[in-house]
């Protein structure tokens, strides 16, 4: 029995890579760290509309966080290191590593990242693409 997927339609050609990416993202989502995604509207100063991803990364320093783009993915990694020998009476805060991945649409660009009060904010912009219409010539063969 074959599995039907949303991308199996004959009208959606070349989307097999996107389907694999979505499957990989669905499997790797463990919910840590929690995050918000918000739309920040354009303002009168000319700053265009943008998206902001905010992750709760309390306990991580700037040196322990890494924000990269790999192809069409935004990848945020956190790697905490153990701080030598400590004599804990109770340990409820673990040094935990994470990797959070977001798929970016074509044209999306990271405009910056900031860390403040345990929140990592990553701003994304999408420059307005130039509309392009291309006429395809039809060849006639006899």
C-alpha atoms as a PDB file:
ATOM      1  CA  UNK A   1       0.000   0.000   0.000  1.00  0.00           C
ATOM      2  CA  UNK A   2       1.508   3.330  -1.035  1.00  0.00           C
ATOM      3  CA  UNK A   3       1.322   6.435   1.081  1.00  0.00           C
ATOM      4  CA  UNK A   4      -0.404   9.489  -0.371  1.00  0.00           C
ATOM      5  CA  UNK A   5       1.223  12.806   0.470  1.00  0.00           C
ATOM      6  CA  UNK A   6       0.061  16.371  -0.155  1.00  0.00           C
ATOM      7  CA  UNK A   7       2.906  16.769  -2.656  1.00  0.00           C
ATOM      8  CA  UNK A   8       1.870  13.716  -4.699  1.00  0.00           C
ATOM      9  CA  UNK A   9      -0.376  15.814  -6.936  1.00  0.00           C
ATOM     10  CA  UNK A  10       0.726  15.903 -10.593  1.00  0.00           C
ATOM     11  CA  UNK A  11       0.274  19.696 -10.440  1.00  0.00           C
ATOM     12  CA  UNK A  12       3.061  20.083  -7.842  1.00  0.00           C
ATOM     13  CA  UNK A  13       6.259  19.294  -9.695  1.00  0.00           C
ATOM     14  CA  UNK A  14       9.671  19.469  -8.034  1.00  0.00           C
ATOM     15  CA  UNK A  15       8.447  19.782  -4.436  1.00  0.00           C
ATOM     16  CA  UNK A  16       9.931  16.469  -3.224  1.00  0.00           C
ATOM     17  CA  UNK A  17      12.790  18.251  -1.404  1.00  0.00           C
ATOM     18  CA  UNK A  18      10.278  20.420   0.454  1.00  0.00           C
ATOM     19  CA  UNK A  19       8.313  17.336   1.480  1.00  0.00           C
ATOM     20  CA  UNK A  20      11.461  15.728   2.919  1.00  0.00           C
ATOM     21  CA  UNK A  21      12.295  18.934   4.793  1.00  0.00           C
ATOM     22  CA  UNK A  22       8.821  19.072   6.342  1.00  0.00           C
ATOM     23  CA  UNK A  23       9.053  15.432   7.418  1.00  0.00           C
ATOM     24  CA  UNK A  24      12.466  16.043   9.009  1.00  0.00           C
ATOM     25  CA  UNK A  25      11.196  19.118  10.863  1.00  0.00           C
ATOM     26  CA  UNK A  26       8.157  17.261  12.179  1.00  0.00           C
ATOM     27  CA  UNK A  27      10.348  14.478  13.584  1.00  0.00           C
ATOM     28  CA  UNK A  28      12.918  16.769  15.245  1.00  0.00           C
ATOM     29  CA  UNK A  29      10.550  19.119  17.079  1.00  0.00           C
ATOM     30  CA  UNK A  30      10.940  18.493  20.822  1.00  0.00           C
ATOM     31  CA  UNK A  31       9.588  21.853  22.008  1.00  0.00           C
ATOM     32  CA  UNK A  32      12.828  23.138  23.578  1.00  0.00           C
ATOM     33  CA  UNK A  33      13.508  25.978  23.730  1.00  0.00           C
ATOM     34  CA  UNK A  34      10.079  27.611  23.513  1.00  0.00           C
ATOM     35  CA  UNK A  35       9.739  30.365  20.936  1.00  0.00           C
ATOM     36  CA  UNK A  36       7.408  33.025  19.539  1.00  0.00           C
ATOM     37  CA  UNK A  37       7.070  34.265  15.973  1.00  0.00           C
ATOM     38  CA  UNK A  38       5.623  37.719  15.503  1.00  0.00           C
ATOM     39  CA  UNK A  39       4.967  40.038  12.600  1.00  0.00           C
ATOM     40  CA  UNK A  40       6.281  43.563  13.070  1.00  0.00           C
ATOM     41  CA  UNK A  41       4.425  45.966  10.818  1.00  0.00           C
ATOM     42  CA  UNK A  42       6.129  48.541   8.637  1.00  0.00           C
ATOM     43  CA  UNK A  43       6.520  51.909  10.305  1.00  0.00           C
ATOM     44  CA  UNK A  44       6.599  55.495   9.099  1.00  0.00           C
ATOM     45  CA  UNK A  45      10.416  55.640   9.163  1.00  0.00           C
ATOM     46  CA  UNK A  46      10.560  53.350   6.119  1.00  0.00           C
ATOM     47  CA  UNK A  47      11.493  50.113   7.910  1.00  0.00           C
ATOM     48  CA  UNK A  48       9.637  47.366   5.997  1.00  0.00           C
ATOM     49  CA  UNK A  49       7.434  44.719   7.583  1.00  0.00           C
ATOM     50  CA  UNK A  50       9.472  41.929   9.148  1.00  0.00           C
ATOM     51  CA  UNK A  51       9.180  38.778  11.196  1.00  0.00           C
ATOM     52  CA  UNK A  52      10.820  38.257  14.579  1.00  0.00           C
ATOM     53  CA  UNK A  53      11.555  34.840  16.078  1.00  0.00           C
ATOM     54  CA  UNK A  54      12.152  35.048  19.832  1.00  0.00           C
ATOM     55  CA  UNK A  55      13.570  32.052  21.722  1.00  0.00           C
ATOM     56  CA  UNK A  56      13.715  31.686  25.513  1.00  0.00           C
ATOM     57  CA  UNK A  57      17.400  30.886  26.074  1.00  0.00           C
ATOM     58  CA  UNK A  58      17.874  31.783  29.743  1.00  0.00           C
ATOM     59  CA  UNK A  59      21.253  30.620  31.020  1.00  0.00           C
ATOM     60  CA  UNK A  60      22.983  30.804  27.629  1.00  0.00           C
ATOM     61  CA  UNK A  61      25.636  33.420  26.967  1.00  0.00           C
ATOM     62  CA  UNK A  62      26.223  35.010  23.573  1.00  0.00           C
ATOM     63  CA  UNK A  63      29.294  32.777  23.084  1.00  0.00           C
ATOM     64  CA  UNK A  64      27.182  29.631  23.634  1.00  0.00           C
ATOM     65  CA  UNK A  65      24.630  30.556  20.939  1.00  0.00           C
ATOM     66  CA  UNK A  66      25.030  30.277  17.186  1.00  0.00           C
ATOM     67  CA  UNK A  67      22.665  31.588  14.497  1.00  0.00           C
ATOM     68  CA  UNK A  68      23.356  30.422  10.935  1.00  0.00           C
ATOM     69  CA  UNK A  69      21.587  30.055   7.622  1.00  0.00           C
ATOM     70  CA  UNK A  70      22.168  26.847   5.695  1.00  0.00           C
ATOM     71  CA  UNK A  71      20.578  26.862   2.251  1.00  0.00           C
ATOM     72  CA  UNK A  72      16.947  27.826   3.005  1.00  0.00           C
ATOM     73  CA  UNK A  73      17.105  26.968   6.737  1.00  0.00           C
ATOM     74  CA  UNK A  74      17.626  29.211   9.723  1.00  0.00           C
ATOM     75  CA  UNK A  75      19.462  27.120  12.332  1.00  0.00           C
ATOM     76  CA  UNK A  76      19.824  28.254  15.939  1.00  0.00           C
ATOM     77  CA  UNK A  77      22.099  26.192  18.192  1.00  0.00           C
ATOM     78  CA  UNK A  78      22.855  26.451  21.875  1.00  0.00           C
ATOM     79  CA  UNK A  79      25.736  24.615  23.548  1.00  0.00           C
ATOM     80  CA  UNK A  80      26.229  25.100  27.275  1.00  0.00           C
ATOM     81  CA  UNK A  81      29.347  23.792  28.920  1.00  0.00           C
ATOM     82  CA  UNK A  82      29.562  22.372  32.411  1.00  0.00           C
ATOM     83  CA  UNK A  83      31.239  24.794  34.802  1.00  0.00           C
ATOM     84  CA  UNK A  84      33.688  22.547  36.624  1.00  0.00           C
ATOM     85  CA  UNK A  85      32.982  20.701  39.831  1.00  0.00           C
ATOM     86  CA  UNK A  86      30.088  22.002  41.863  1.00  0.00           C
ATOM     87  CA  UNK A  87      28.461  20.496  44.917  1.00  0.00           C
ATOM     88  CA  UNK A  88      24.733  20.726  44.143  1.00  0.00           C
ATOM     89  CA  UNK A  89      22.227  20.151  46.934  1.00  0.00           C
ATOM     90  CA  UNK A  90      19.510  20.144  44.271  1.00  0.00           C
ATOM     91  CA  UNK A  91      19.915  20.480  40.523  1.00  0.00           C
ATOM     92  CA  UNK A  92      16.862  21.549  38.563  1.00  0.00           C
ATOM     93  CA  UNK A  93      18.608  23.516  35.832  1.00  0.00           C
ATOM     94  CA  UNK A  94      20.469  21.298  33.423  1.00  0.00           C
ATOM     95  CA  UNK A  95      23.104  22.378  30.908  1.00  0.00           C
ATOM     96  CA  UNK A  96      21.168  21.344  27.826  1.00  0.00           C
ATOM     97  CA  UNK A  97      22.115  21.659  24.199  1.00  0.00           C
ATOM     98  CA  UNK A  98      19.559  22.441  21.515  1.00  0.00           C
ATOM     99  CA  UNK A  99      19.139  22.963  17.819  1.00  0.00           C
ATOM    100  CA  UNK A 100      16.060  24.708  16.473  1.00  0.00           C
ATOM    101  CA  UNK A 101      15.503  24.866  12.720  1.00  0.00           C
ATOM    102  CA  UNK A 102      13.146  27.063  10.706  1.00  0.00           C
ATOM    103  CA  UNK A 103      12.546  26.755   6.959  1.00  0.00           C
ATOM    104  CA  UNK A 104      12.846  30.095   5.180  1.00  0.00           C
ATOM    105  CA  UNK A 105      10.848  30.961   2.090  1.00  0.00           C
ATOM    106  CA  UNK A 106      12.775  32.030  -0.982  1.00  0.00           C
ATOM    107  CA  UNK A 107      14.034  35.582  -0.582  1.00  0.00           C
ATOM    108  CA  UNK A 108      13.825  35.674   3.241  1.00  0.00           C
ATOM    109  CA  UNK A 109      16.931  37.225   4.811  1.00  0.00           C
ATOM    110  CA  UNK A 110      18.144  37.431   8.394  1.00  0.00           C
ATOM    111  CA  UNK A 111      18.601  41.112   9.205  1.00  0.00           C
ATOM    112  CA  UNK A 112      20.035  40.655  12.701  1.00  0.00           C
ATOM    113  CA  UNK A 113      19.955  38.903  16.061  1.00  0.00           C
ATOM    114  CA  UNK A 114      20.060  40.207  19.616  1.00  0.00           C
ATOM    115  CA  UNK A 115      20.215  38.688  23.102  1.00  0.00           C
ATOM    116  CA  UNK A 116      18.517  40.528  25.946  1.00  0.00           C
ATOM    117  CA  UNK A 117      17.190  39.303  29.311  1.00  0.00           C
ATOM    118  CA  UNK A 118      17.464  35.639  28.324  1.00  0.00           C
ATOM    119  CA  UNK A 119      15.573  36.116  25.051  1.00  0.00           C
ATOM    120  CA  UNK A 120      17.264  35.656  21.675  1.00  0.00           C
ATOM    121  CA  UNK A 121      15.492  37.623  18.941  1.00  0.00           C
ATOM    122  CA  UNK A 122      16.194  36.995  15.257  1.00  0.00           C
ATOM    123  CA  UNK A 123      14.710  39.448  12.747  1.00  0.00           C
ATOM    124  CA  UNK A 124      13.835  38.367   9.223  1.00  0.00           C
ATOM    125  CA  UNK A 125      12.935  40.516   6.236  1.00  0.00           C
ATOM    126  CA  UNK A 126      11.610  39.660   2.825  1.00  0.00           C
ATOM    127  CA  UNK A 127      12.594  42.219   0.219  1.00  0.00           C
ATOM    128  CA  UNK A 128       9.838  42.844  -2.272  1.00  0.00           C
ATOM    129  CA  UNK A 129      10.674  40.672  -5.283  1.00  0.00           C
ATOM    130  CA  UNK A 130      10.588  42.145  -8.736  1.00  0.00           C
ATOM    131  CA  UNK A 131       7.629  40.773 -10.653  1.00  0.00           C
ATOM    132  CA  UNK A 132       8.830  38.952 -13.706  1.00  0.00           C
ATOM    133  CA  UNK A 133       6.745  37.737 -16.625  1.00  0.00           C
ATOM    134  CA  UNK A 134       8.525  35.721 -19.264  1.00  0.00           C
ATOM    135  CA  UNK A 135       7.023  34.728 -22.593  1.00  0.00           C
ATOM    136  CA  UNK A 136       7.842  31.200 -23.724  1.00  0.00           C
ATOM    137  CA  UNK A 137       8.157  30.765 -27.471  1.00  0.00           C
ATOM    138  CA  UNK A 138       6.327  27.805 -28.987  1.00  0.00           C
ATOM    139  CA  UNK A 139       8.182  25.920 -31.651  1.00  0.00           C
ATOM    140  CA  UNK A 140       6.270  24.253 -34.459  1.00  0.00           C
ATOM    141  CA  UNK A 141       7.557  21.009 -35.891  1.00  0.00           C
ATOM    142  CA  UNK A 142       6.135  19.367 -38.988  1.00  0.00           C
END
